[in-house]
Amino acid sequence: MFDAPVAKNAAAEDAATPDALPATEKQIHYAQALALKTGVKFPADLARNRAALSRWIDAQKSAPACKFTNYPSSKQVAFAERIARLKRQQIPPECFRDRTMMSRWIDGNKPR
């Protein structure tokens, strides 16, 4: 009886809205840097719509950049190794593969 509405791409729909605010320069630069970091092509048409570009940025930020993204930083590892030397303990090997585990190990072992 009634035709179902055709689902449209939200980004394309927002870009077509004439009263949409254009993206800020800061937003565009951040999106371009994020695209380079993740290896995804930056959709230039989203620069005309602030809300659509914001959604694209959120989607790209939530995607892991690479398998090493969750590894602890070199400063974090150096600090943990210094604590381990002071306490004459070993850092568990799994801490070197997860920044959250390394942080918890540091919090539980740092001298007070």
C-alpha atoms as a PDB file:
ATOM      1  CA  MET A   1       0.000   0.000   0.000  1.00  0.00           C
ATOM      2  CA  PHE A   2       2.580   2.541   1.099  1.00  0.00           C
ATOM      3  CA  ASP A   3       6.061   2.609  -0.294  1.00  0.00           C
ATOM      4  CA  ALA A   4       8.805   2.242   2.281  1.00  0.00           C
ATOM      5  CA  PRO A   5      11.060   5.295   2.484  1.00  0.00           C
ATOM      6  CA  VAL A   6      14.372   4.856   0.749  1.00  0.00           C
ATOM      7  CA  ALA A   7      17.268   4.857   3.214  1.00  0.00           C
ATOM      8  CA  LYS A   8      19.810   7.517   2.376  1.00  0.00           C
ATOM      9  CA  ASN A   9      23.366   7.942   3.450  1.00  0.00           C
ATOM     10  CA  ALA A  10      23.264  10.398   6.378  1.00  0.00           C
ATOM     11  CA  ALA A  11      26.420  12.140   5.227  1.00  0.00           C
ATOM     12  CA  ALA A  12      25.084  12.664   1.716  1.00  0.00           C
ATOM     13  CA  GLU A  13      21.775  13.869   3.123  1.00  0.00           C
ATOM     14  CA  ASP A  14      23.495  16.375   5.418  1.00  0.00           C
ATOM     15  CA  ALA A  15      25.760  17.613   2.626  1.00  0.00           C
ATOM     16  CA  ALA A  16      22.707  18.338   0.494  1.00  0.00           C
ATOM     17  CA  THR A  17      21.068  20.456   3.215  1.00  0.00           C
ATOM     18  CA  PRO A  18      21.407  24.079   2.055  1.00  0.00           C
ATOM     19  CA  ASP A  19      21.349  25.628   5.548  1.00  0.00           C
ATOM     20  CA  ALA A  20      24.045  23.328   6.971  1.00  0.00           C
ATOM     21  CA  LEU A  21      27.001  25.053   8.591  1.00  0.00           C
ATOM     22  CA  PRO A  22      30.322  24.543   6.826  1.00  0.00           C
ATOM     23  CA  ALA A  23      33.052  22.674   8.681  1.00  0.00           C
ATOM     24  CA  THR A  24      35.637  24.746  10.526  1.00  0.00           C
ATOM     25  CA  GLU A  25      39.251  24.921   9.353  1.00  0.00           C
ATOM     26  CA  LYS A  26      40.368  23.215  12.554  1.00  0.00           C
ATOM     27  CA  GLN A  27      37.869  20.403  11.967  1.00  0.00           C
ATOM     28  CA  ILE A  28      39.032  19.942   8.361  1.00  0.00           C
ATOM     29  CA  HIS A  29      42.722  19.858   9.340  1.00  0.00           C
ATOM     30  CA  TYR A  30      42.021  17.321  12.084  1.00  0.00           C
ATOM     31  CA  ALA A  31      40.000  15.147   9.708  1.00  0.00           C
ATOM     32  CA  GLN A  32      42.784  15.248   7.105  1.00  0.00           C
ATOM     33  CA  ALA A  33      45.388  14.293   9.722  1.00  0.00           C
ATOM     34  CA  LEU A  34      43.138  11.476  10.931  1.00  0.00           C
ATOM     35  CA  ALA A  35      42.692  10.254   7.352  1.00  0.00           C
ATOM     36  CA  LEU A  36      46.467  10.149   6.860  1.00  0.00           C
ATOM     37  CA  LYS A  37      46.958   8.338  10.156  1.00  0.00           C
ATOM     38  CA  THR A  38      44.326   5.686   9.456  1.00  0.00           C
ATOM     39  CA  GLY A  39      45.005   5.379   5.724  1.00  0.00           C
ATOM     40  CA  VAL A  40      41.427   6.271   4.784  1.00  0.00           C
ATOM     41  CA  LYS A  41      40.618   8.676   1.935  1.00  0.00           C
ATOM     42  CA  PHE A  42      39.316  12.008   3.228  1.00  0.00           C
ATOM     43  CA  PRO A  43      35.855  12.701   1.734  1.00  0.00           C
ATOM     44  CA  ALA A  44      36.228  16.304   0.546  1.00  0.00           C
ATOM     45  CA  ASP A  45      32.463  16.767   0.109  1.00  0.00           C
ATOM     46  CA  LEU A  46      32.024  16.508   3.892  1.00  0.00           C
ATOM     47  CA  ALA A  47      33.913  19.786   4.331  1.00  0.00           C
ATOM     48  CA  ARG A  48      30.670  21.564   3.445  1.00  0.00           C
ATOM     49  CA  ASN A  49      28.808  20.209   6.469  1.00  0.00           C
ATOM     50  CA  ARG A  50      30.010  20.497  10.057  1.00  0.00           C
ATOM     51  CA  ALA A  51      27.714  17.808  11.498  1.00  0.00           C
ATOM     52  CA  ALA A  52      28.492  15.247   8.792  1.00  0.00           C
ATOM     53  CA  LEU A  53      32.243  15.804   9.151  1.00  0.00           C
ATOM     54  CA  SER A  54      31.938  15.467  12.920  1.00  0.00           C
ATOM     55  CA  ARG A  55      30.215  12.090  12.523  1.00  0.00           C
ATOM     56  CA  TRP A  56      32.927  10.971  10.084  1.00  0.00           C
ATOM     57  CA  ILE A  57      35.640  11.987  12.560  1.00  0.00           C
ATOM     58  CA  ASP A  58      33.904  10.082  15.369  1.00  0.00           C
ATOM     59  CA  ALA A  59      33.677   6.971  13.207  1.00  0.00           C
ATOM     60  CA  GLN A  60      37.361   7.174  12.257  1.00  0.00           C
ATOM     61  CA  LYS A  61      38.509   7.820  15.827  1.00  0.00           C
ATOM     62  CA  SER A  62      36.732   4.735  17.118  1.00  0.00           C
ATOM     63  CA  ALA A  63      38.397   2.500  14.534  1.00  0.00           C
ATOM     64  CA  PRO A  64      41.783   1.151  15.652  1.00  0.00           C
ATOM     65  CA  ALA A  65      44.609   2.604  13.573  1.00  0.00           C
ATOM     66  CA  CYS A  66      46.822  -0.492  13.659  1.00  0.00           C
ATOM     67  CA  LYS A  67      47.655  -3.478  15.795  1.00  0.00           C
ATOM     68  CA  PHE A  68      50.172  -1.442  17.807  1.00  0.00           C
ATOM     69  CA  THR A  69      47.648   1.206  18.848  1.00  0.00           C
ATOM     70  CA  ASN A  70      46.965  -0.465  22.168  1.00  0.00           C
ATOM     71  CA  TYR A  71      50.648  -0.995  23.017  1.00  0.00           C
ATOM     72  CA  PRO A  72      52.103   1.047  25.911  1.00  0.00           C
ATOM     73  CA  SER A  73      54.132   4.125  25.060  1.00  0.00           C
ATOM     74  CA  SER A  74      57.916   4.109  25.297  1.00  0.00           C
ATOM     75  CA  LYS A  75      57.737   6.499  28.268  1.00  0.00           C
ATOM     76  CA  GLN A  76      55.300   4.178  30.015  1.00  0.00           C
ATOM     77  CA  VAL A  77      57.593   1.179  29.450  1.00  0.00           C
ATOM     78  CA  ALA A  78      60.660   3.108  30.634  1.00  0.00           C
ATOM     79  CA  PHE A  79      58.868   4.179  33.816  1.00  0.00           C
ATOM     80  CA  ALA A  80      57.679   0.618  34.478  1.00  0.00           C
ATOM     81  CA  GLU A  81      61.208  -0.727  33.956  1.00  0.00           C
ATOM     82  CA  ARG A  82      62.581   1.820  36.417  1.00  0.00           C
ATOM     83  CA  ILE A  83      59.994   0.721  39.004  1.00  0.00           C
ATOM     84  CA  ALA A  84      60.802  -2.945  38.326  1.00  0.00           C
ATOM     85  CA  ARG A  85      64.517  -2.316  38.907  1.00  0.00           C
ATOM     86  CA  LEU A  86      63.820  -0.494  42.186  1.00  0.00           C
ATOM     87  CA  LYS A  87      61.534  -3.269  43.431  1.00  0.00           C
ATOM     88  CA  ARG A  88      63.644  -6.061  41.889  1.00  0.00           C
ATOM     89  CA  GLN A  89      60.616  -7.486  40.111  1.00  0.00           C
ATOM     90  CA  GLN A  90      59.799  -8.568  36.586  1.00  0.00           C
ATOM     91  CA  ILE A  91      57.142  -6.847  34.522  1.00  0.00           C
ATOM     92  CA  PRO A  92      54.622  -9.439  33.289  1.00  0.00           C
ATOM     93  CA  PRO A  93      55.053  -9.980  29.513  1.00  0.00           C
ATOM     94  CA  GLU A  94      51.366  -9.334  28.794  1.00  0.00           C
ATOM     95  CA  CYS A  95      51.814  -5.764  30.086  1.00  0.00           C
ATOM     96  CA  PHE A  96      54.005  -5.026  27.060  1.00  0.00           C
ATOM     97  CA  ARG A  97      51.049  -5.738  24.735  1.00  0.00           C
ATOM     98  CA  ASP A  98      48.359  -3.677  26.480  1.00  0.00           C
ATOM     99  CA  ARG A  99      48.662  -0.084  27.670  1.00  0.00           C
ATOM    100  CA  THR A 100      45.853  -0.486  30.214  1.00  0.00           C
ATOM    101  CA  MET A 101      47.524  -3.492  31.827  1.00  0.00           C
ATOM    102  CA  MET A 102      50.839  -1.630  31.930  1.00  0.00           C
ATOM    103  CA  SER A 103      49.141   1.340  33.559  1.00  0.00           C
ATOM    104  CA  ARG A 104      47.559  -0.891  36.191  1.00  0.00           C
ATOM    105  CA  TRP A 105      50.894  -2.593  36.869  1.00  0.00           C
ATOM    106  CA  ILE A 106      52.559   0.799  37.311  1.00  0.00           C
ATOM    107  CA  ASP A 107      49.787   2.014  39.631  1.00  0.00           C
ATOM    108  CA  GLY A 108      50.035  -1.113  41.746  1.00  0.00           C
ATOM    109  CA  ASN A 109      53.837  -1.110  41.981  1.00  0.00           C
ATOM    110  CA  LYS A 110      55.037   2.482  42.007  1.00  0.00           C
ATOM    111  CA  PRO A 111      56.836   3.505  45.195  1.00  0.00           C
ATOM    112  CA  ARG A 112      54.846   5.669  47.538  1.00  0.00           C
END
